[in-house]
Amino acid sequence: MYKAQCGEERGSLVEEKLKLYGFNNLTKSLSFNIYDICYAKSQREQQDYIKYIDSQYNSERLTKILSRVTEMIGAQVLNIAKQDYDPQGASVAFLIAEEAAVSSGHKKPAVSPAMRDTILAHLDKSHVTVHTYPEFHPDTSIATFRVDIDVATCGEITPLKTLDYLIGNFDSDIITMDYRVRGFTRDVTGKKLFMDHKITSIQDYVKKETLDAYDAVDINMYQANLFHTRMLIKEPDLKNYLFNTDIYEIPPKTRLAISDSLRREMIEIFSGANVF
């Protein structure tokens, strides 16, 4: 099986630049979803955890993360919309372009306000969005924090190079990723091209040291250019999952019960099914 290497070699999956006729019409969509799990033994602690998450991952910080994502894929930001929600959660949306606006055959260094409405309408499928979903239930001692990030691009931009950065910016206990390439473009001879880069798995674009910390499962439909990867943290350290609680204050049997409860929660989310 073809496997990309880390670092610079991972960025060289396209052995040579394709010679295309006209604009690259391929649409590449990446959906990146993570869950962070926390043990908070009382409803008050669960509420405090949600407040903590809201302060740590508010719209301002999420905007900085998405700004870096757009830099990494070489995109230009056309518009930003952001919102913090009551009682919890945040959303940020970036409208992006692959390059500066084109007028009369010449590239412009920036998008002028007068051009913006036209550009927004033309590039409505190129965007980066993030939504957060902190939640808990009073009948359990577990709170969860979910982040959904979607990157949709047109042309040569590929969002896959951002995966290591995204994983590193969140406490990622469970990760699900979907990548799809839609449409076709043409080379100079008129031949249809349904893919412009090599890929066998989303894992090709994740560092080995990151993959080593997770159990990963792939479901890929190569003929449909559709790729899916799920990742579950292998060895969670209990002290990293306790909110406002010192692990040494907890009796050994209780530690084991908490660990079992956390692991069950992770497996249910990873598998998409309740564990009885």
Protein backbone atom coordinates (compact mmCIF):
# COMPACT_ATOMS: atom_id res chain seq x y z
CA MET A 1 0.00 0.00 0.00
CA TYR A 2 1.21 3.48 -0.82
CA LYS A 3 2.06 5.46 2.30
CA ALA A 4 3.20 9.06 2.45
CA GLN A 5 6.04 10.03 4.74
CA CYS A 6 6.07 12.73 7.41
CA GLY A 7 7.26 16.30 7.03
CA GLU A 8 8.30 17.60 3.65
CA GLU A 9 7.84 14.29 1.87
CA ARG A 10 4.18 14.21 2.86
CA GLY A 11 3.67 17.40 0.92
CA SER A 12 5.05 15.86 -2.27
CA LEU A 13 2.24 13.40 -2.99
CA VAL A 14 1.78 15.08 -6.38
CA GLU A 15 4.92 13.93 -8.17
CA GLU A 16 4.67 16.70 -10.74
CA LYS A 17 2.26 19.52 -11.33
CA LEU A 18 -0.60 18.50 -13.58
CA LYS A 19 -0.97 20.46 -16.78
CA LEU A 20 -4.63 21.42 -16.90
CA TYR A 21 -6.86 23.06 -19.42
CA GLY A 22 -8.49 26.03 -17.72
CA PHE A 23 -9.49 26.16 -14.05
CA ASN A 24 -9.17 23.18 -11.70
CA ASN A 25 -12.83 22.34 -11.05
CA LEU A 26 -12.29 19.69 -8.36
CA THR A 27 -14.02 20.32 -5.03
CA LYS A 28 -12.25 18.90 -1.97
CA SER A 29 -14.13 18.64 1.30
CA LEU A 30 -12.67 17.68 4.70
CA SER A 31 -14.87 17.14 7.76
CA PHE A 32 -12.83 16.93 10.96
CA ASN A 33 -14.58 16.02 14.22
CA ILE A 34 -13.06 15.55 17.69
CA TYR A 35 -14.35 14.69 21.15
CA ASP A 36 -12.71 15.57 24.47
CA ILE A 37 -13.98 13.59 27.47
CA CYS A 38 -13.84 14.74 31.10
CA TYR A 39 -14.82 13.29 34.48
CA ALA A 40 -16.64 15.81 36.66
CA LYS A 41 -18.22 14.11 39.65
CA SER A 42 -20.97 16.63 40.41
CA GLN A 43 -23.37 18.69 38.33
CA ARG A 44 -21.67 21.85 39.60
CA GLU A 45 -18.29 20.57 38.40
CA GLN A 46 -19.81 19.65 35.06
CA GLN A 47 -21.16 23.18 34.70
CA ASP A 48 -17.76 24.58 35.67
CA TYR A 49 -16.14 22.38 33.03
CA ILE A 50 -18.49 23.75 30.37
CA LYS A 51 -17.63 27.31 31.44
CA TYR A 52 -13.93 26.44 31.27
CA ILE A 53 -14.30 24.99 27.77
CA ASP A 54 -16.27 28.01 26.62
CA SER A 55 -13.51 30.31 27.84
CA GLN A 56 -10.74 28.19 26.30
CA TYR A 57 -12.43 27.71 22.93
CA ASN A 58 -14.35 30.93 22.42
CA SER A 59 -14.89 32.45 18.98
CA GLU A 60 -11.74 34.59 19.25
CA ARG A 61 -9.45 31.59 19.74
CA LEU A 62 -11.28 29.55 17.11
CA THR A 63 -10.81 32.42 14.67
CA LYS A 64 -7.04 32.31 15.27
CA ILE A 65 -7.01 28.55 14.66
CA LEU A 66 -8.95 28.86 11.40
CA SER A 67 -6.75 31.77 10.32
CA ARG A 68 -3.75 29.48 10.61
CA VAL A 69 -5.62 26.75 8.69
CA THR A 70 -6.24 29.12 5.79
CA GLU A 71 -2.56 30.12 5.79
CA MET A 72 -1.48 26.47 5.67
CA ILE A 73 -3.64 25.70 2.63
CA GLY A 74 -2.58 28.87 0.85
CA ALA A 75 -6.06 30.42 0.80
CA GLN A 76 -7.14 34.05 0.96
CA VAL A 77 -9.75 35.09 3.52
CA LEU A 78 -12.64 37.03 2.01
CA ASN A 79 -14.99 37.21 4.97
CA ILE A 80 -15.22 36.08 8.63
CA ALA A 81 -18.38 35.52 10.68
CA LYS A 82 -18.16 34.45 14.32
CA GLN A 83 -20.59 33.93 17.20
CA ASP A 84 -20.47 32.87 20.86
CA TYR A 85 -23.69 31.26 22.06
CA ASP A 86 -25.64 31.38 25.30
CA PRO A 87 -25.43 29.23 27.35
CA GLN A 88 -22.49 27.57 25.59
CA GLY A 89 -20.77 26.90 22.28
CA ALA A 90 -19.25 28.97 19.50
CA SER A 91 -19.16 29.08 15.69
CA VAL A 92 -16.78 30.67 13.20
CA ALA A 93 -17.05 30.68 9.40
CA PHE A 94 -14.43 31.83 6.89
CA LEU A 95 -15.19 32.44 3.23
CA ILE A 96 -11.97 31.78 1.30
CA ALA A 97 -10.56 32.00 -2.22
CA GLU A 98 -7.68 30.03 -3.71
CA GLU A 99 -5.98 33.18 -4.93
CA ALA A 100 -6.49 36.93 -5.22
CA ALA A 101 -9.49 38.14 -7.18
CA VAL A 102 -9.12 38.33 -10.95
CA SER A 103 -10.32 41.34 -12.94
CA SER A 104 -9.71 41.86 -16.67
CA GLY A 105 -7.21 39.02 -16.66
CA HIS A 106 -5.00 40.55 -13.94
CA LYS A 107 -4.62 39.31 -10.38
CA LYS A 108 -5.45 41.77 -7.63
CA PRO A 109 -3.52 41.71 -4.34
CA ALA A 110 -6.68 42.09 -2.30
CA VAL A 111 -10.47 42.05 -2.54
CA SER A 112 -12.04 45.49 -2.58
CA PRO A 113 -15.37 46.11 -0.80
CA ALA A 114 -17.00 46.92 -4.13
CA MET A 115 -16.07 43.47 -5.50
CA ARG A 116 -16.93 41.50 -2.40
CA ASP A 117 -20.60 40.69 -3.12
CA THR A 118 -19.67 39.21 -6.50
CA ILE A 119 -16.76 37.26 -5.05
CA LEU A 120 -18.91 35.86 -2.24
CA ALA A 121 -21.50 34.60 -4.70
CA HIS A 122 -18.87 33.07 -6.97
CA LEU A 123 -16.90 31.34 -4.22
CA ASP A 124 -19.68 30.15 -1.96
CA LYS A 125 -18.29 26.58 -1.92
CA SER A 126 -14.87 27.58 -0.61
CA HIS A 127 -15.07 27.97 3.13
CA VAL A 128 -13.77 26.92 6.53
CA THR A 129 -16.15 26.56 9.48
CA VAL A 130 -15.93 25.43 13.11
CA HIS A 131 -18.70 24.70 15.61
CA THR A 132 -18.31 23.62 19.24
CA TYR A 133 -20.73 21.51 21.28
CA PRO A 134 -19.98 21.24 25.03
CA GLU A 135 -22.48 19.01 26.84
CA PHE A 136 -23.19 17.02 29.99
CA HIS A 137 -26.08 15.15 31.61
CA PRO A 138 -26.91 15.42 35.32
CA ASP A 139 -27.32 11.64 35.67
CA THR A 140 -23.69 10.95 34.73
CA SER A 141 -20.31 12.21 35.92
CA ILE A 142 -18.97 12.71 32.41
CA ALA A 143 -18.92 15.86 30.31
CA THR A 144 -17.94 16.00 26.64
CA PHE A 145 -16.69 18.67 24.30
CA ARG A 146 -17.16 18.21 20.55
CA VAL A 147 -15.59 20.27 17.78
CA ASP A 148 -16.71 20.07 14.13
CA ILE A 149 -14.45 21.65 11.51
CA ASP A 150 -15.29 21.65 7.80
CA VAL A 151 -12.95 22.80 5.06
CA ALA A 152 -14.35 22.99 1.52
CA THR A 153 -12.05 24.14 -1.27
CA CYS A 154 -12.07 24.48 -5.03
CA GLY A 155 -9.08 24.08 -7.33
CA GLU A 156 -5.57 23.15 -6.23
CA ILE A 157 -6.01 23.84 -2.52
CA THR A 158 -6.02 20.65 -0.41
CA PRO A 159 -7.12 20.75 3.25
CA LEU A 160 -5.39 17.49 4.23
CA LYS A 161 -2.12 19.19 5.18
CA THR A 162 -3.86 20.82 8.15
CA LEU A 163 -4.67 17.59 10.04
CA ASP A 164 -1.64 17.46 12.35
CA TYR A 165 -2.17 21.11 13.27
CA LEU A 166 -5.87 20.57 14.04
CA ILE A 167 -5.26 17.43 16.11
CA GLY A 168 -2.59 19.26 18.10
CA ASN A 169 -4.82 22.23 18.89
CA PHE A 170 -7.52 20.21 20.64
CA ASP A 171 -7.54 17.51 23.31
CA SER A 172 -8.52 14.80 20.88
CA ASP A 173 -9.71 11.57 22.52
CA ILE A 174 -11.84 10.50 19.54
CA ILE A 175 -11.30 11.80 16.01
CA THR A 176 -13.42 11.19 12.93
CA MET A 177 -12.40 12.50 9.52
CA ASP A 178 -14.14 12.41 6.16
CA TYR A 179 -12.50 13.52 2.92
CA ARG A 180 -14.17 13.63 -0.48
CA VAL A 181 -13.11 14.88 -3.90
CA ARG A 182 -16.01 15.72 -6.22
CA GLY A 183 -16.34 16.74 -9.85
CA PHE A 184 -13.64 16.58 -12.50
CA THR A 185 -11.17 18.78 -14.28
CA ARG A 186 -9.39 18.32 -17.63
CA ASP A 187 -5.81 18.09 -18.72
CA VAL A 188 -4.53 19.90 -21.81
CA THR A 189 -5.61 17.00 -24.06
CA GLY A 190 -9.21 17.16 -22.76
CA LYS A 191 -8.96 13.99 -20.64
CA LYS A 192 -11.12 14.07 -17.50
CA LEU A 193 -9.25 13.95 -14.18
CA PHE A 194 -11.28 12.96 -11.13
CA MET A 195 -8.34 13.23 -8.69
CA ASP A 196 -5.26 15.47 -8.81
CA HIS A 197 -3.22 13.91 -5.97
CA LYS A 198 -2.32 10.48 -4.63
CA ILE A 199 -4.18 9.16 -1.58
CA THR A 200 -4.92 5.71 -0.19
CA SER A 201 -6.02 6.83 3.28
CA ILE A 202 -6.45 10.00 5.33
CA GLN A 203 -3.80 8.45 7.57
CA ASP A 204 -1.27 9.21 4.82
CA TYR A 205 -1.47 12.83 5.96
CA VAL A 206 -1.11 12.31 9.73
CA LYS A 207 2.30 12.09 11.42
CA LYS A 208 3.42 8.64 12.51
CA GLU A 209 3.95 9.76 16.12
CA THR A 210 0.35 10.96 16.19
CA LEU A 211 -0.99 7.74 14.69
CA ASP A 212 1.01 5.70 17.22
CA ALA A 213 -1.09 7.19 20.04
CA TYR A 214 -4.39 6.03 18.49
CA ASP A 215 -6.21 2.98 17.25
CA ALA A 216 -7.36 3.86 13.74
CA VAL A 217 -9.96 2.36 11.40
CA ASP A 218 -10.48 3.22 7.71
CA ILE A 219 -13.55 2.92 5.50
CA ASN A 220 -12.57 4.00 2.00
CA MET A 221 -14.50 3.99 -1.29
CA TYR A 222 -11.77 4.56 -3.84
CA GLN A 223 -13.99 4.62 -6.91
CA ALA A 224 -16.10 7.35 -5.27
CA ASN A 225 -13.02 9.27 -4.04
CA LEU A 226 -14.47 9.03 -0.53
CA PHE A 227 -12.22 8.43 2.51
CA HIS A 228 -13.16 7.96 6.16
CA THR A 229 -10.91 7.47 9.20
CA ARG A 230 -11.76 7.06 12.89
CA MET A 231 -9.18 7.31 15.67
CA LEU A 232 -9.47 6.37 19.37
CA ILE A 233 -6.83 7.26 21.96
CA LYS A 234 -4.99 4.09 23.02
CA GLU A 235 -3.80 4.72 26.58
CA PRO A 236 -5.69 7.52 28.34
CA ASP A 237 -4.02 8.70 31.56
CA LEU A 238 -6.72 9.15 34.21
CA LYS A 239 -5.15 12.24 35.77
CA ASN A 240 -5.67 14.09 32.47
CA TYR A 241 -9.43 13.47 32.62
CA LEU A 242 -10.23 14.68 36.14
CA PHE A 243 -11.69 18.17 36.45
CA ASN A 244 -10.78 19.92 39.72
CA THR A 245 -9.97 16.56 41.32
CA ASP A 246 -6.60 15.23 42.50
CA ILE A 247 -6.12 11.62 41.43
CA TYR A 248 -4.36 10.78 44.71
CA GLU A 249 -7.47 11.74 46.68
CA ILE A 250 -9.44 8.98 44.94
CA PRO A 251 -9.35 5.39 46.30
CA PRO A 252 -7.91 2.78 43.90
CA LYS A 253 -11.25 1.02 43.33
CA THR A 254 -12.93 4.31 42.53
CA ARG A 255 -10.13 5.17 40.09
CA LEU A 256 -10.76 1.90 38.29
CA ALA A 257 -14.51 2.56 38.13
CA ILE A 258 -13.91 6.08 36.75
CA SER A 259 -11.45 4.73 34.16
CA ASP A 260 -13.98 2.11 33.06
CA SER A 261 -16.70 4.75 32.77
CA LEU A 262 -14.50 7.06 30.70
CA ARG A 263 -13.40 4.23 28.42
CA ARG A 264 -16.96 3.10 27.88
CA GLU A 265 -17.93 6.65 26.91
CA MET A 266 -15.06 6.82 24.41
CA ILE A 267 -15.87 3.44 22.86
CA GLU A 268 -19.55 4.35 22.47
CA ILE A 269 -18.68 7.59 20.69
CA PHE A 270 -16.02 5.88 18.57
CA SER A 271 -18.33 3.04 17.51
CA GLY A 272 -21.51 5.11 17.30
CA ALA A 273 -23.38 2.61 19.47
CA ASN A 274 -24.34 2.23 23.12
CA VAL A 275 -22.34 -0.34 25.08
CA PHE A 276 -24.44 -2.41 27.45
